[in-house]
Structures are given as structure tokens and as C-alpha cells.
Amino acid sequence: MATRLEAGGYAHREMDPHDRRRVLIHASPTGVRHAFSLFDDLYAAAADMYTAYRERDLRMLMGLIRAYRTLITDHTAVLNAEATADSRETRVR
């Protein structure tokens, strides 16, 4: 994969100065432009879609998204706490 990216001019390799077993792959300016251009149509469509909604609807939608984000964050914290508790129980046994 790295060879293809390099051959296409999308990236270049560099040896890690701290670990000679490791190779770092950096995107080239051409690669960055190409990667971001893949989303140009999506950005334009999203902007068009945004204009179809009234300000009141957008505020309501943002409130819903914030509420879902809080819900997901809280649920993730519960799952992480349960996993940590399970891990402690396993070590004690």
C-alpha cells in the first residue's frame, strides 16, 4: 500500500530517526489536496441541505444532537466503569 501511495505521488516514506525498524509515511501536498477534494461534493450537498431548514428547526436539531452526545458519553462512562470493575474482579480471583 505504501509503495502505491508513494508511486502515485500521494505520500513519501521517512525512516523513524528514533527507531530504525519503523518507517513513517507522510502525505504529500498532492495527496492532501486529493484526499480533501473527495469530500467537495459532500460539503456542497450538506450546505444546500442546511439552507432548506429554518433557524428554529436547526436549533431544535442541534439540541437533539447535543442530548444524544451527552447520552452516548454517559453510557460510555458506565461501560468503561463496568469493564474496569470486571477487570479488577478478575485480577483478585
N, C-alpha and C. Protein backbone atom coordinates (compact mmCIF):
# COMPACT_ATOMS: atom_id res chain seq x y z
N MET A 1 0.82 -1.18 0.00
CA MET A 1 0.00 0.00 0.00
C MET A 1 0.87 1.25 0.00
N ALA A 2 1.88 1.27 0.85
CA ALA A 2 2.77 2.43 0.93
C ALA A 2 3.47 2.66 -0.41
N THR A 3 3.84 1.58 -1.06
CA THR A 3 4.51 1.69 -2.36
C THR A 3 3.58 2.34 -3.39
N ARG A 4 2.31 1.95 -3.37
CA ARG A 4 1.35 2.54 -4.31
C ARG A 4 1.13 4.02 -4.02
N LEU A 5 1.00 4.37 -2.77
CA LEU A 5 0.82 5.79 -2.41
C LEU A 5 2.02 6.62 -2.85
N GLU A 6 3.19 6.07 -2.62
CA GLU A 6 4.42 6.77 -3.00
C GLU A 6 4.53 6.88 -4.52
N ALA A 7 4.23 5.80 -5.23
CA ALA A 7 4.31 5.80 -6.69
C ALA A 7 3.31 6.79 -7.30
N GLY A 8 2.17 6.95 -6.67
CA GLY A 8 1.16 7.88 -7.17
C GLY A 8 1.43 9.32 -6.78
N GLY A 9 2.47 9.55 -5.98
CA GLY A 9 2.79 10.90 -5.56
C GLY A 9 1.95 11.41 -4.40
N TYR A 10 1.23 10.49 -3.73
CA TYR A 10 0.35 10.89 -2.64
C TYR A 10 1.05 10.92 -1.28
N ALA A 11 2.19 10.26 -1.18
CA ALA A 11 2.88 10.17 0.11
C ALA A 11 4.36 9.91 -0.12
N HIS A 12 5.13 10.08 0.96
CA HIS A 12 6.54 9.70 0.91
C HIS A 12 6.92 9.06 2.23
N ARG A 13 7.93 8.22 2.16
CA ARG A 13 8.39 7.49 3.34
C ARG A 13 9.58 8.21 3.97
N GLU A 14 9.69 7.99 5.27
CA GLU A 14 10.84 8.53 6.01
C GLU A 14 11.17 7.53 7.11
N MET A 15 12.43 7.24 7.28
CA MET A 15 12.84 6.35 8.37
C MET A 15 12.66 7.09 9.69
N ASP A 16 12.13 6.40 10.67
CA ASP A 16 11.97 7.00 12.00
C ASP A 16 13.36 7.21 12.59
N PRO A 17 13.70 8.44 12.96
CA PRO A 17 15.04 8.69 13.49
C PRO A 17 15.28 8.05 14.86
N HIS A 18 14.21 7.64 15.54
CA HIS A 18 14.35 7.07 16.88
C HIS A 18 14.22 5.55 16.90
N ASP A 19 13.73 4.98 15.81
CA ASP A 19 13.53 3.53 15.74
C ASP A 19 13.75 3.09 14.30
N ARG A 20 14.90 2.53 14.02
CA ARG A 20 15.26 2.21 12.63
C ARG A 20 14.40 1.10 12.03
N ARG A 21 13.62 0.39 12.85
CA ARG A 21 12.72 -0.63 12.34
C ARG A 21 11.42 -0.03 11.80
N ARG A 22 11.20 1.21 12.11
CA ARG A 22 9.92 1.86 11.80
C ARG A 22 10.06 2.82 10.63
N VAL A 23 9.06 2.81 9.77
CA VAL A 23 9.02 3.74 8.63
C VAL A 23 7.80 4.64 8.81
N LEU A 24 8.01 5.92 8.67
CA LEU A 24 6.91 6.89 8.76
C LEU A 24 6.44 7.23 7.36
N ILE A 25 5.14 7.35 7.18
CA ILE A 25 4.58 7.71 5.88
C ILE A 25 3.89 9.05 6.04
N HIS A 26 4.29 10.01 5.22
CA HIS A 26 3.74 11.36 5.27
C HIS A 26 2.98 11.66 3.98
N ALA A 27 1.82 12.28 4.13
CA ALA A 27 1.06 12.68 2.95
C ALA A 27 1.78 13.82 2.24
N SER A 28 1.77 13.78 0.93
CA SER A 28 2.35 14.87 0.14
C SER A 28 1.28 15.94 -0.04
N PRO A 29 1.66 17.15 -0.42
CA PRO A 29 0.66 18.19 -0.70
C PRO A 29 -0.37 17.72 -1.73
N THR A 30 0.09 17.00 -2.75
CA THR A 30 -0.83 16.46 -3.75
C THR A 30 -1.80 15.48 -3.11
N GLY A 31 -1.29 14.61 -2.26
CA GLY A 31 -2.13 13.63 -1.58
C GLY A 31 -3.16 14.28 -0.69
N VAL A 32 -2.76 15.32 0.01
CA VAL A 32 -3.69 16.04 0.89
C VAL A 32 -4.79 16.69 0.07
N ARG A 33 -4.41 17.37 -1.01
CA ARG A 33 -5.42 18.02 -1.87
C ARG A 33 -6.40 17.00 -2.43
N HIS A 34 -5.88 15.88 -2.88
CA HIS A 34 -6.73 14.85 -3.45
C HIS A 34 -7.69 14.28 -2.39
N ALA A 35 -7.16 13.98 -1.22
CA ALA A 35 -8.00 13.40 -0.15
C ALA A 35 -9.13 14.35 0.23
N PHE A 36 -8.80 15.62 0.41
CA PHE A 36 -9.84 16.57 0.79
C PHE A 36 -10.82 16.84 -0.35
N SER A 37 -10.36 16.77 -1.58
CA SER A 37 -11.26 17.02 -2.71
C SER A 37 -12.32 15.93 -2.85
N LEU A 38 -12.06 14.75 -2.29
CA LEU A 38 -13.04 13.68 -2.34
C LEU A 38 -14.34 14.07 -1.64
N PHE A 39 -14.27 15.04 -0.73
CA PHE A 39 -15.43 15.43 0.05
C PHE A 39 -16.07 16.72 -0.44
N ASP A 40 -15.56 17.31 -1.52
CA ASP A 40 -16.11 18.58 -2.01
C ASP A 40 -17.60 18.49 -2.31
N ASP A 41 -18.03 17.45 -3.01
CA ASP A 41 -19.45 17.30 -3.34
C ASP A 41 -20.29 17.10 -2.09
N LEU A 42 -19.76 16.37 -1.13
CA LEU A 42 -20.48 16.15 0.12
C LEU A 42 -20.67 17.47 0.87
N TYR A 43 -19.62 18.29 0.93
CA TYR A 43 -19.72 19.59 1.60
C TYR A 43 -20.76 20.47 0.91
N ALA A 44 -20.74 20.48 -0.40
CA ALA A 44 -21.70 21.30 -1.15
C ALA A 44 -23.13 20.82 -0.91
N ALA A 45 -23.34 19.51 -0.92
CA ALA A 45 -24.67 18.96 -0.68
C ALA A 45 -25.14 19.26 0.74
N ALA A 46 -24.23 19.18 1.71
CA ALA A 46 -24.59 19.49 3.09
C ALA A 46 -24.97 20.97 3.24
N ALA A 47 -24.24 21.84 2.56
CA ALA A 47 -24.57 23.27 2.61
C ALA A 47 -25.93 23.53 1.99
N ASP A 48 -26.23 22.87 0.89
CA ASP A 48 -27.54 23.01 0.25
C ASP A 48 -28.65 22.51 1.18
N MET A 49 -28.41 21.38 1.81
CA MET A 49 -29.40 20.81 2.71
C MET A 49 -29.66 21.75 3.89
N TYR A 50 -28.60 22.34 4.40
CA TYR A 50 -28.69 23.26 5.54
C TYR A 50 -29.63 24.43 5.22
N THR A 51 -29.56 24.94 4.02
CA THR A 51 -30.39 26.10 3.65
C THR A 51 -31.87 25.75 3.56
N ALA A 52 -32.21 24.47 3.51
CA ALA A 52 -33.61 24.06 3.41
C ALA A 52 -34.34 24.12 4.75
N TYR A 53 -33.60 24.33 5.86
CA TYR A 53 -34.21 24.31 7.18
C TYR A 53 -34.29 25.72 7.76
N ARG A 54 -35.34 25.94 8.55
CA ARG A 54 -35.49 27.23 9.23
C ARG A 54 -34.59 27.24 10.46
N GLU A 55 -34.27 28.42 10.92
CA GLU A 55 -33.39 28.60 12.08
C GLU A 55 -33.94 27.84 13.30
N ARG A 56 -35.25 27.92 13.51
CA ARG A 56 -35.86 27.23 14.65
C ARG A 56 -35.63 25.72 14.57
N ASP A 57 -35.78 25.16 13.37
CA ASP A 57 -35.58 23.72 13.18
C ASP A 57 -34.12 23.34 13.43
N LEU A 58 -33.21 24.19 12.99
CA LEU A 58 -31.78 23.91 13.19
C LEU A 58 -31.43 23.94 14.67
N ARG A 59 -31.99 24.90 15.41
CA ARG A 59 -31.74 24.95 16.86
C ARG A 59 -32.26 23.68 17.54
N MET A 60 -33.45 23.23 17.14
CA MET A 60 -34.01 22.02 17.72
C MET A 60 -33.13 20.80 17.38
N LEU A 61 -32.69 20.72 16.14
CA LEU A 61 -31.83 19.62 15.73
C LEU A 61 -30.51 19.63 16.51
N MET A 62 -29.92 20.78 16.69
CA MET A 62 -28.67 20.88 17.45
C MET A 62 -28.89 20.47 18.90
N GLY A 63 -30.03 20.84 19.46
CA GLY A 63 -30.34 20.41 20.82
C GLY A 63 -30.44 18.90 20.92
N LEU A 64 -31.07 18.29 19.92
CA LEU A 64 -31.19 16.84 19.90
C LEU A 64 -29.82 16.17 19.77
N ILE A 65 -28.98 16.70 18.91
CA ILE A 65 -27.63 16.15 18.72
C ILE A 65 -26.83 16.27 20.01
N ARG A 66 -26.93 17.42 20.69
CA ARG A 66 -26.22 17.59 21.97
C ARG A 66 -26.72 16.59 23.01
N ALA A 67 -28.04 16.39 23.06
CA ALA A 67 -28.61 15.44 24.02
C ALA A 67 -28.12 14.02 23.73
N TYR A 68 -28.07 13.63 22.46
CA TYR A 68 -27.55 12.31 22.09
C TYR A 68 -26.08 12.18 22.45
N ARG A 69 -25.34 13.25 22.24
CA ARG A 69 -23.90 13.20 22.58
C ARG A 69 -23.72 12.98 24.07
N THR A 70 -24.50 13.69 24.88
CA THR A 70 -24.42 13.50 26.33
C THR A 70 -24.82 12.08 26.71
N LEU A 71 -25.89 11.58 26.11
CA LEU A 71 -26.35 10.22 26.37
C LEU A 71 -25.27 9.20 26.05
N ILE A 72 -24.65 9.34 24.90
CA ILE A 72 -23.59 8.41 24.48
C ILE A 72 -22.37 8.52 25.39
N THR A 73 -21.99 9.75 25.75
CA THR A 73 -20.85 9.95 26.65
C THR A 73 -21.11 9.31 28.00
N ASP A 74 -22.30 9.54 28.54
CA ASP A 74 -22.65 8.95 29.84
C ASP A 74 -22.68 7.43 29.77
N HIS A 75 -23.25 6.90 28.72
CA HIS A 75 -23.32 5.44 28.56
C HIS A 75 -21.92 4.84 28.41
N THR A 76 -21.07 5.50 27.68
CA THR A 76 -19.69 5.03 27.52
C THR A 76 -18.97 5.02 28.86
N ALA A 77 -19.20 6.03 29.68
CA ALA A 77 -18.58 6.07 31.00
C ALA A 77 -19.04 4.89 31.86
N VAL A 78 -20.33 4.56 31.79
CA VAL A 78 -20.85 3.41 32.53
C VAL A 78 -20.19 2.12 32.05
N LEU A 79 -20.12 1.94 30.72
CA LEU A 79 -19.49 0.74 30.18
C LEU A 79 -18.03 0.64 30.60
N ASN A 80 -17.30 1.77 30.55
CA ASN A 80 -15.89 1.77 30.96
C ASN A 80 -15.75 1.43 32.44
N ALA A 81 -16.64 1.97 33.27
CA ALA A 81 -16.59 1.68 34.71
C ALA A 81 -16.86 0.20 34.96
N GLU A 82 -17.83 -0.37 34.26
CA GLU A 82 -18.13 -1.79 34.40
C GLU A 82 -16.95 -2.65 33.95
N ALA A 83 -16.33 -2.27 32.85
CA ALA A 83 -15.17 -3.03 32.35
C ALA A 83 -14.02 -2.97 33.34
N THR A 84 -13.81 -1.80 33.94
CA THR A 84 -12.74 -1.64 34.93
C THR A 84 -13.04 -2.49 36.16
N ALA A 85 -14.29 -2.48 36.61
CA ALA A 85 -14.68 -3.29 37.76
C ALA A 85 -14.51 -4.78 37.46
N ASP A 86 -14.93 -5.21 36.27
CA ASP A 86 -14.75 -6.61 35.89
C ASP A 86 -13.28 -7.00 35.85
N SER A 87 -12.45 -6.09 35.36
CA SER A 87 -11.02 -6.36 35.27
C SER A 87 -10.42 -6.52 36.67
N ARG A 88 -10.86 -5.66 37.59
CA ARG A 88 -10.35 -5.77 38.97
C ARG A 88 -10.78 -7.09 39.60
N GLU A 89 -12.04 -7.49 39.37
CA GLU A 89 -12.53 -8.75 39.94
C GLU A 89 -11.75 -9.93 39.40
N THR A 90 -11.43 -9.91 38.13
CA THR A 90 -10.68 -11.00 37.51
C THR A 90 -9.29 -11.10 38.13
N ARG A 91 -8.65 -9.96 38.39
CA ARG A 91 -7.30 -9.98 38.98
C ARG A 91 -7.32 -10.46 40.41
N VAL A 92 -8.38 -10.16 41.16
CA VAL A 92 -8.46 -10.55 42.56
C VAL A 92 -8.65 -12.04 42.70
N ARG A 93 -9.36 -12.66 41.80
CA ARG A 93 -9.65 -14.11 41.88
C ARG A 93 -8.43 -14.89 41.70
